Protein backbone atom coordinates (compact mmCIF):
# COMPACT_ATOMS: atom_id res chain seq x y z
CA MET A 1 344.36 54.70 11.79
CA PHE A 2 342.77 57.99 12.82
CA ASP A 3 340.54 58.09 9.72
CA PHE A 4 339.50 54.47 10.31
CA LEU A 5 338.48 55.19 13.89
CA LYS A 6 336.65 58.36 12.87
CA GLY A 7 334.59 56.35 10.43
CA LYS A 8 333.74 53.74 13.04
CA LEU A 9 332.72 56.33 15.61
CA LYS A 10 330.66 58.34 13.10
CA GLY A 11 328.07 55.62 12.74
CA LYS A 12 329.28 52.53 10.90
CA GLU A 13 328.16 49.47 12.83
CA LEU A 14 330.87 47.36 14.38
CA THR A 15 330.73 43.68 15.21
CA THR A 16 332.00 42.41 18.54
CA ILE A 17 334.94 40.89 16.67
CA ASP A 18 335.81 44.33 15.23
CA LYS A 19 335.77 45.87 18.69
CA ASP A 20 337.85 43.07 20.17
CA GLU A 21 340.44 43.53 17.42
CA ILE A 22 340.59 47.28 18.05
CA ALA A 23 340.96 46.61 21.79
CA LYS A 24 343.86 44.22 21.10
CA LEU A 25 345.56 46.88 18.99
CA LEU A 26 345.02 49.65 21.53
CA SER A 27 346.46 47.54 24.35
CA THR A 28 349.83 47.36 22.58
CA ASN A 29 349.96 50.69 20.72
CA LYS A 30 350.00 53.85 22.80
CA GLU A 31 349.72 56.15 19.77
CA ALA A 32 346.68 54.27 18.48
CA LEU A 33 345.04 54.57 21.90
CA GLU A 34 345.65 58.32 21.92
CA GLU A 35 344.12 58.60 18.41
CA PHE A 36 341.13 56.54 19.51
CA GLU A 37 340.52 58.80 22.51
CA ARG A 38 340.90 61.96 20.41
CA ALA A 39 338.38 60.69 17.87
CA TYR A 40 335.93 59.75 20.63
CA THR A 41 336.30 63.10 22.38
CA PHE A 42 335.86 65.07 19.16
CA TYR A 43 332.90 63.17 17.72
CA ALA A 44 331.05 62.03 20.84
CA LEU A 45 331.94 64.08 23.91
CA ASN A 46 331.70 67.54 22.34
CA PRO A 47 328.32 67.51 20.59
CA GLU A 48 327.04 70.83 19.28
CA GLU A 49 323.42 70.11 20.17
CA ILE A 50 321.99 69.36 23.62
CA PRO A 51 319.92 66.13 23.52
CA ASP A 52 316.13 66.31 23.66
CA ASN A 53 316.00 63.33 26.03
CA PHE A 54 316.11 64.67 29.61
CA PHE A 55 318.01 61.58 30.78
CA GLU A 56 320.75 62.11 28.20
CA ILE A 57 321.46 65.67 29.31
CA ASN A 58 324.20 66.11 31.88
CA SER A 59 324.33 68.72 34.61
CA ARG A 60 326.85 70.89 32.72
CA GLN A 61 324.57 71.07 29.70
CA ALA A 62 321.64 71.93 31.96
CA ALA A 63 323.72 74.71 33.53
CA SER A 64 324.49 76.11 30.07
CA LEU A 65 320.75 76.36 29.43
CA ASN A 66 320.33 78.06 32.79
CA ALA A 67 322.84 80.71 31.72
CA SER A 68 320.24 82.10 29.33
CA LYS A 69 318.08 82.91 32.35
CA GLU A 70 320.41 85.70 33.51
CA ILE A 71 318.52 88.59 35.11
CA PRO A 72 319.43 92.29 35.45
CA ASP A 73 321.00 93.66 38.60
CA CYS A 74 318.41 94.57 41.21
CA VAL A 75 319.27 95.81 44.69
CA GLU A 76 315.97 94.63 46.14
CA LEU A 77 316.40 91.16 44.65
CA GLU A 78 319.95 90.81 46.00
CA ASP A 79 318.69 91.64 49.48
CA ILE A 80 315.91 89.06 49.20
CA LYS A 81 318.33 86.41 47.92
CA ASN A 82 320.76 87.02 50.77
CA ARG A 83 318.01 86.82 53.36
CA ILE A 84 316.64 83.58 51.88
CA VAL A 85 320.12 82.06 51.86
CA ASN A 86 320.47 82.93 55.53
CA GLU A 87 317.06 81.44 56.33
CA LEU A 88 318.04 78.21 54.57
CA MET A 89 321.42 78.08 56.28
CA ASN A 90 319.56 78.07 59.59
CA GLU A 91 317.79 74.90 58.40
CA CYS A 92 320.95 73.13 57.21
CA VAL A 93 322.49 70.24 59.13
CA THR A 94 325.86 68.87 58.01
CA TRP A 95 327.90 65.80 58.94
CA LYS A 96 331.55 66.20 57.99
CA PHE A 97 334.45 63.75 57.88
CA ASP A 98 337.76 65.52 57.21
CA GLY A 99 339.84 62.37 56.86
CA ASN A 100 340.66 62.22 60.57
CA SER A 101 337.61 63.20 62.60
CA VAL A 102 333.87 63.84 62.40
CA THR A 103 331.94 67.03 63.15
CA THR A 104 328.21 67.78 63.01
CA ASN A 105 326.88 71.30 62.55
CA ASN A 106 323.45 72.90 62.42
CA ASN A 107 321.96 76.40 62.50
CA LEU A 108 324.73 77.59 60.19
CA GLY A 109 323.14 80.97 59.49
CA SER A 110 322.91 84.16 61.48
CA PRO A 111 319.80 85.26 63.45
CA ILE A 112 316.75 85.92 61.25
CA ASP A 113 315.36 89.41 61.84
CA ASN A 114 312.97 89.81 58.90
CA PRO A 115 311.88 86.64 57.10
CA VAL A 116 311.14 87.07 53.41
CA THR A 117 307.39 87.30 52.83
CA LEU A 118 305.21 86.10 49.99
CA GLU A 119 304.24 89.72 49.34
CA GLU A 120 307.89 90.62 48.72
CA ILE A 121 308.29 87.73 46.31
CA ASN A 122 305.11 88.49 44.38
CA ALA A 123 306.21 92.09 43.98
CA LEU A 124 309.04 90.90 41.72
CA PRO A 125 308.59 90.09 38.01
CA GLU A 126 307.68 86.41 37.70
CA GLU A 127 310.92 85.42 35.93
CA MET A 128 312.92 86.92 38.84
CA ARG A 129 311.02 85.34 41.72
CA PRO A 130 312.69 82.90 44.07
CA GLN A 131 310.69 79.67 44.35
CA LEU A 132 311.51 79.09 48.02
CA THR A 133 312.37 80.73 51.30
CA GLY A 134 313.28 79.18 54.62
CA ASN A 135 309.61 78.36 55.26
CA LEU A 136 307.81 78.91 51.93
CA MET A 137 307.86 76.59 48.94
CA LYS A 138 306.03 75.90 45.70
CA ILE A 139 303.72 72.87 45.92
CA HIS A 140 301.31 71.12 43.56
CA ILE A 141 298.63 69.76 45.92
CA ASN A 142 297.38 71.20 49.22
CA THR A 143 296.80 67.81 50.87
CA PRO A 144 299.95 66.74 52.74
CA THR A 145 301.69 63.81 51.06
CA TYR A 146 302.19 61.86 54.27
CA ILE A 147 298.43 61.18 54.48
CA THR A 148 298.46 59.40 51.10
CA ALA A 149 301.84 57.76 51.68
CA LEU A 150 300.99 56.28 55.07
CA GLU A 151 297.59 55.09 53.88
CA ASN A 152 299.36 53.18 51.10
CA TYR A 153 301.90 51.84 53.60
CA ARG A 154 299.12 50.69 55.97
CA ASN A 155 297.37 48.92 53.09
CA PHE A 156 300.67 47.23 52.19
CA LEU A 157 301.18 45.99 55.76
CA ASN A 158 297.62 44.66 56.03
CA GLU A 159 297.23 43.14 52.56
CA LYS A 160 297.37 39.33 52.28
CA ASN A 161 297.24 38.98 48.50
CA PRO A 162 300.88 39.07 47.23
CA GLN A 163 300.08 40.96 44.00
CA LYS A 164 297.99 43.60 45.75
CA ARG A 165 300.54 43.84 48.54
CA GLN A 166 303.26 44.61 46.01
CA MET A 167 300.99 47.17 44.31
CA TRP A 168 300.46 49.04 47.61
CA TYR A 169 304.17 48.96 48.33
CA GLU A 170 305.04 50.42 44.93
CA MET A 171 302.42 53.15 45.38
CA PHE A 172 303.89 53.98 48.80
CA ARG A 173 307.48 54.10 47.55
CA SER A 174 306.55 56.11 44.44
CA SER A 175 304.74 58.71 46.54
CA LEU A 176 307.92 59.33 48.54
CA ASP A 177 309.85 60.09 45.37
CA LEU A 178 307.25 62.02 43.38
CA LEU A 179 304.85 63.96 45.56
CA ASP A 180 305.22 67.26 47.40
CA LEU A 181 307.21 67.24 50.60
CA ASP A 182 306.01 68.00 54.09
CA GLU A 183 307.87 67.51 57.35
CA ILE A 184 306.44 64.06 58.09
CA THR A 185 307.05 62.79 54.54
CA ARG A 186 310.57 64.12 54.78
CA ARG A 187 311.05 62.25 58.08
CA ILE A 188 309.81 59.05 56.41
CA ILE A 189 312.33 59.52 53.59
CA ALA A 190 315.07 60.08 56.18
CA THR A 191 314.58 56.54 57.54
CA ASN A 192 316.01 55.08 54.31
CA LYS A 193 319.06 53.02 55.33
CA LEU A 194 320.45 53.15 51.80
CA SER A 195 321.19 56.85 52.20
CA MET A 196 324.82 57.65 52.98
CA GLY A 197 323.93 59.57 56.13
CA TYR A 198 322.82 56.29 57.69
CA TRP A 199 325.67 53.90 56.95
CA LEU A 200 328.74 56.13 56.66
CA PRO A 201 328.64 57.58 60.22
CA ASN A 202 328.38 54.01 61.50
CA ILE A 203 331.37 52.69 59.54
CA VAL A 204 333.85 55.58 59.61
CA GLU A 205 335.10 55.13 63.19
CA PRO A 206 335.80 51.39 62.81
CA ALA A 207 337.60 52.15 59.52
CA LEU A 208 339.74 54.78 61.23
CA ASP A 209 340.53 52.41 64.09
CA ASN A 210 341.64 49.63 61.73
CA GLY A 211 343.57 51.96 59.43
CA GLU A 212 343.43 49.51 56.51
CA LEU A 213 340.62 50.96 54.40
CA LYS A 214 340.57 54.66 53.53
CA ILE A 215 337.38 56.74 53.32
CA PRO A 216 337.20 59.93 51.22
CA LYS A 217 336.70 63.24 52.97
CA THR A 218 332.94 63.69 52.93
CA THR A 219 330.32 66.28 53.83
CA ILE A 220 326.67 65.20 53.98
CA LEU A 221 324.01 67.91 53.93
CA LYS A 222 320.51 67.32 55.22
CA VAL A 223 318.81 69.50 52.64
CA PRO A 224 316.28 72.00 54.02
CA THR A 225 312.74 70.86 53.21
CA THR A 226 311.87 73.89 51.09
CA MET A 227 315.05 73.43 49.04
CA LEU A 228 314.47 69.69 48.66
CA GLN A 229 310.99 70.45 47.33
CA LEU A 230 312.66 72.03 44.29
CA THR A 231 313.45 68.49 43.11
CA ARG A 232 309.69 68.07 42.62
CA ILE A 233 309.52 71.04 40.23
CA ASP A 234 310.30 70.51 36.54
CA TYR A 235 313.92 71.56 36.21
CA PRO A 236 313.39 73.94 33.25
CA GLU A 237 310.84 75.87 35.36
CA LEU A 238 313.43 76.86 37.99
CA THR A 239 314.28 80.56 37.89
CA ARG A 240 317.81 81.94 37.83
CA THR A 241 317.18 83.45 41.26
CA THR A 242 316.26 80.05 42.66
CA LEU A 243 319.38 78.44 41.20
CA ASP A 244 321.60 81.23 42.54
CA ILE A 245 320.20 80.65 46.02
CA VAL A 246 320.84 76.90 45.82
CA ASP A 247 324.40 77.49 44.58
CA GLU A 248 325.14 79.87 47.45
CA VAL A 249 323.65 77.62 50.13
CA CYS A 250 325.82 74.75 48.88
CA ARG A 251 328.90 76.96 48.71
CA GLN A 252 328.48 77.88 52.37
CA ALA A 253 327.19 74.57 53.73
CA PHE A 254 329.87 72.46 52.03
CA GLU A 255 332.60 75.08 52.61
CA LEU A 256 333.63 74.79 48.97
CA ASP A 257 337.09 75.68 47.73
CA GLU A 258 337.24 76.72 44.07
CA THR A 259 340.74 75.26 43.71
CA GLN A 260 339.62 71.72 44.63
CA ASP A 261 338.10 68.83 42.65
CA TYR A 262 335.00 67.19 44.11
CA PHE A 263 332.85 64.10 43.64
CA ILE A 264 329.16 64.87 44.14
CA LYS A 265 326.04 62.76 44.61
CA THR A 266 322.77 62.64 46.47
CA GLY A 267 322.63 60.40 49.52
CA ILE A 268 321.92 57.51 47.13
CA TYR A 269 322.61 58.50 43.53
CA SER A 270 325.71 59.86 41.77
CA SER A 271 324.64 59.65 38.12
CA LYS A 272 328.20 58.39 37.54
CA PHE A 273 327.24 56.63 34.30
CA ASP A 274 327.75 60.08 32.82
CA PHE A 275 330.75 60.93 34.95
CA ARG A 276 330.49 64.59 33.98
CA ASN A 277 327.60 64.69 36.47
CA ALA A 278 329.69 63.37 39.33
CA ARG A 279 333.06 65.14 39.04
CA VAL A 280 333.44 68.88 39.62
CA THR A 281 336.76 70.14 38.32
CA ASP A 282 337.20 73.91 37.99
CA PRO A 283 336.17 77.18 39.71
CA LYS A 284 333.13 77.75 37.47
CA GLU A 285 331.86 74.24 38.16
CA VAL A 286 332.42 74.65 41.91
CA ARG A 287 330.32 77.84 41.81
CA GLU A 288 327.54 75.90 40.01
CA LEU A 289 327.78 72.81 42.20
CA GLY A 290 324.43 73.41 43.90
CA GLU A 291 322.47 73.41 40.66
CA TYR A 292 324.32 70.25 39.57
CA LEU A 293 323.13 68.47 42.70
CA LEU A 294 319.63 69.78 42.15
CA PHE A 295 319.69 68.55 38.55
CA ILE A 296 320.92 65.06 39.53
CA HIS A 297 318.20 64.77 42.17
CA ASN A 298 315.60 66.06 39.72
CA GLN A 299 316.62 63.36 37.23
CA ALA A 300 316.25 60.76 40.00
CA VAL A 301 312.70 61.98 40.69
CA GLU A 302 311.87 61.75 36.99
CA MET A 303 312.88 58.08 37.00
CA THR A 304 309.81 57.43 39.16
CA SER A 305 307.46 59.39 36.90
CA PHE A 306 304.59 57.48 35.35
CA THR A 307 305.58 59.01 31.99
CA THR A 308 309.06 57.43 32.14
CA TYR A 309 309.79 53.99 30.71
CA PRO A 310 311.17 51.96 32.25
CA ARG A 311 310.22 53.60 35.53
CA PHE A 312 311.49 52.63 38.96
CA TYR A 313 311.31 54.06 42.45
CA GLY A 314 313.99 54.44 45.10
CA VAL A 315 316.74 56.46 43.42
CA ALA A 316 315.25 59.71 44.76
CA THR A 317 314.38 58.44 48.26
CA THR A 318 316.88 60.58 50.16
CA ASP A 319 316.96 63.98 51.83
CA GLU A 320 320.74 64.28 51.53
CA TRP A 321 323.26 65.83 49.17
CA VAL A 322 326.89 64.80 49.40
CA VAL A 323 330.20 66.38 48.43
CA ARG A 324 333.35 64.23 48.68
CA GLU A 325 336.99 64.71 47.84
CA TYR A 326 337.83 63.46 44.38
CA ILE A 327 340.32 60.59 44.56
CA LYS A 328 342.82 61.31 41.78
CA ASP A 329 343.87 58.29 39.76
CA THR A 330 347.49 57.28 40.45
CA GLU A 331 347.47 54.34 38.01
CA ASN A 332 346.76 56.12 34.71
CA ASN A 333 343.66 53.96 34.15
CA PRO A 334 341.61 54.50 30.98
CA THR A 335 338.10 55.88 31.40
CA ILE A 336 334.56 54.76 30.61
CA TYR A 337 331.20 56.43 31.22
CA LYS A 338 332.45 59.74 29.81
CA GLY A 339 335.36 60.18 32.18
CA LEU A 340 335.18 57.59 34.99
CA PRO A 341 338.63 56.06 35.66
CA LEU A 342 338.44 52.29 35.35
CA HIS A 343 339.91 51.38 38.74
CA THR A 344 339.95 47.81 39.99
CA GLU A 345 336.98 47.59 42.37
CA TYR A 346 335.73 44.88 44.69
CA ARG A 347 332.14 44.26 45.77
CA VAL A 348 332.15 42.36 49.07
CA PHE A 349 328.93 41.00 50.59
CA VAL A 350 328.90 40.90 54.40
CA ASP A 351 326.63 39.97 57.28
CA PHE A 352 327.03 42.39 60.17
CA ASP A 353 325.07 40.12 62.52
CA THR A 354 327.27 37.05 62.05
CA LYS A 355 330.40 39.12 61.21
CA GLU A 356 330.95 37.01 58.10
CA ILE A 357 331.88 37.68 54.50
CA ILE A 358 329.23 35.88 52.48
CA GLY A 359 330.26 36.66 48.89
CA MET A 360 332.59 38.65 46.64
CA SER A 361 332.68 39.75 43.01
CA PRO A 362 334.66 42.10 40.79
CA TYR A 363 332.66 45.32 40.55
CA TRP A 364 333.45 45.51 36.83
CA GLU A 365 332.47 41.88 36.25
CA SER A 366 333.43 40.78 32.73
CA LYS A 367 330.22 39.13 31.50
CA THR A 368 328.06 41.99 32.78
CA MET A 369 330.21 44.75 31.31
CA LYS A 370 330.58 43.11 27.89
CA GLN A 371 326.85 42.50 27.75
CA ARG A 372 326.06 46.10 28.66
CA PHE A 373 328.45 47.72 26.23
CA GLY A 374 328.50 45.15 23.45
CA HIS A 375 325.13 43.42 23.20
CA GLU A 376 322.33 45.82 24.17
CA ASN A 377 320.19 47.77 21.70
CA ASP A 378 322.51 50.77 21.90
CA ALA A 379 325.71 48.75 21.46
CA ASN A 380 326.72 50.77 18.37
CA SER A 381 326.37 54.18 19.94
CA PRO A 382 329.74 55.99 19.99
CA HIS A 383 329.80 55.86 23.80
CA ASN A 384 329.27 52.11 24.00
CA ILE A 385 331.70 51.40 21.16
CA HIS A 386 334.26 53.36 23.14
CA ASP A 387 333.46 51.83 26.50
CA TYR A 388 333.35 48.24 25.21
CA THR A 389 336.69 48.67 23.49
CA ILE A 390 338.33 50.32 26.49
CA TYR A 391 336.92 47.72 28.88
CA VAL A 392 338.14 44.77 26.79
CA MET A 393 341.55 46.43 26.43
CA HIS A 394 341.84 46.97 30.20
CA GLU A 395 340.11 43.77 31.36
CA PRO A 396 343.31 41.70 31.81
CA ILE A 397 344.80 44.34 34.10
CA LEU A 398 341.57 44.66 36.11
CA MET A 399 341.25 40.94 36.65
CA LYS A 400 344.95 40.47 37.41
CA ARG A 401 344.77 43.12 40.13
CA TYR A 402 341.54 41.63 41.43
CA GLU A 403 342.97 38.12 41.75
CA GLU A 404 346.18 39.40 43.32
CA ASN A 405 344.44 41.44 45.98
CA LYS A 406 341.03 39.87 46.66
CA GLU A 407 342.17 37.93 49.74
CA ARG A 408 343.80 41.05 51.12
CA VAL A 409 340.58 43.01 50.58
CA LYS A 410 338.55 40.24 52.21
CA GLN A 411 340.73 40.42 55.29
CA TYR A 412 340.46 44.20 55.46
CA VAL A 413 336.66 43.98 55.24
CA LYS A 414 336.55 41.12 57.75
CA ASN A 415 338.52 43.22 60.25
CA LEU A 416 336.21 46.17 59.60
CA ILE A 417 332.90 44.37 60.13
CA THR A 418 334.25 42.59 63.22
CA ASN A 419 334.76 45.99 64.85
CA THR A 420 331.47 47.53 63.63
CA ASP A 421 328.69 47.43 66.24
CA ASN A 422 326.03 49.82 64.93
CA LEU A 423 325.08 48.18 61.64
CA ASN A 424 323.05 45.00 61.17
CA GLY A 425 321.82 42.82 58.37
CA GLN A 426 323.47 41.98 55.08
CA TRP A 427 325.20 44.65 52.99
CA SER A 428 327.43 45.04 49.96
CA ILE A 429 330.62 47.06 50.47
CA ASP A 430 332.43 48.56 47.47
CA ILE A 431 336.21 48.92 47.68
CA MET A 432 338.18 50.88 45.06
CA GLN A 433 341.87 50.22 44.55
CA ASN A 434 344.10 53.18 43.68
CA GLY A 435 347.74 52.11 43.65
CA ASN A 436 348.39 50.52 47.03
CA ASP A 437 345.46 52.29 48.67
CA PHE A 438 342.05 50.70 49.14
CA TRP A 439 339.09 53.07 49.51
CA LEU A 440 335.68 52.18 50.94
CA ILE A 441 333.50 54.21 48.59
CA ASP A 442 329.95 52.86 48.86
CA MET A 443 327.57 50.49 50.63
CA ALA A 444 324.09 49.15 49.95
CA ILE A 445 321.60 46.60 51.24
CA ALA A 446 322.85 43.26 49.91
CA GLU A 447 319.66 42.06 48.24
CA ASN A 448 319.39 45.34 46.29
CA SER A 449 322.93 45.07 44.94
CA ALA A 450 324.21 43.73 41.63
CA PHE A 451 326.04 40.38 41.84
CA TYR A 452 324.00 39.27 44.86
CA ASP A 453 323.87 35.90 43.12
CA CYS A 454 327.46 35.28 44.23
CA VAL A 455 326.07 34.84 47.76
CA PRO A 456 325.02 31.20 48.36
CA LYS A 457 321.25 30.90 48.76
CA SER A 458 321.72 29.24 52.13
CA LEU A 459 323.38 32.42 53.46
CA ARG A 460 320.94 34.99 52.10
CA ARG A 461 318.66 36.81 54.54
CA LYS A 462 316.08 39.36 53.48
CA SER A 463 316.46 42.78 55.09
CA LYS A 464 313.77 44.21 57.35
CA GLU A 465 312.14 47.49 56.38
CA ASP A 466 310.55 49.96 58.76
CA TRP A 467 309.45 53.23 57.21
CA LEU A 468 307.79 54.67 60.31
CA PRO A 469 309.85 57.53 61.74
CA ILE A 470 309.95 58.31 65.46
CA LEU A 471 308.11 61.61 65.82
CA LYS A 472 308.36 63.80 68.88
């Protein structure tokens, strides 16, 4: 059996029937499943070479490349790094939910006596220079981005031709993700309702009051502008000094504990389809957590690049980084996406204005998952062979749990939205089941969410966008 699976995973193409037969075998034979997972881990998850494709690299591999950037000890550099960290901590704002209550903190650093100057930075060898301070950052163009962005937005609002109107909108949205940051552009980005810092503070108190849906412990960091600008710099160009500063700011701002496991994401994007990006599991990874977040956000920016195909905007439109408790699997679920436990999850569509549930779908919907893993161009990659097989093997359990609990979940969500006053419009709410616990793990604007077609057309309402921040 082990030799057979090795051969399949080493490149021989499999038909869907082959994969279904393997899944049937694995569902009834524990030893075969263990062999299958060993073969997959050995041949696919532990590659000797780091991929050339930037989107196939994970944050751990990127960190291993960063290790080659180690620099010699330098007393002057350590002093500069510490001062920059303190400057950035004074710019940090955090929102923290500890499982019971919420706290907000800002000005986390100590008083700044001697800000780091450009002259001090330029006195260092180039490979040792930090690429930011509390008020200095590396930019590409001197013209502030907000001028271009708001001109595109004005053209979008005034344009009557639908095609041209869409063109202006895409140019506006792309500029938010790609171009240099300034304070006004950053304020525009901060109006994005998809970012966790918007919806989670508005839902956590009603969830606590109801006591039916759990929410993971969460800290949301409003990233200082000069540190957020690093996402606009090509990741390989970042110096070791810069990465050390980001790691230390995150260690302090998130109050990290090296003995804990964490789930990390930007305010919008977790990169969970390679789950090694999202889960942080040991002391070394906790110490590198800042550069992981920076890498994930940098990948999101690259998705908007005009050199990327297919390209799309929106994944990088956030000024937040997020660290959450990792919810340990109590059900011994198999994993897909290189380590993601295949929990039963529920996507519930709601209308906060009418307080109604307007649709519901399994998050791991069968037709969608089988199409993705079994019928796309990369269906015979080792990862998709593995994930298709595991999904088909686990599908009966997922759907059984879904059918048994969907009415219960609907009622929980109905109670939640009835008691929520500070959100409006139509949203999707994702609920993850872990044993007898149901966790609210994510939300998004309904029309932007997968499976929106389960909402009857008569109930759908387009969301209203307003990208103009209130400036003092």
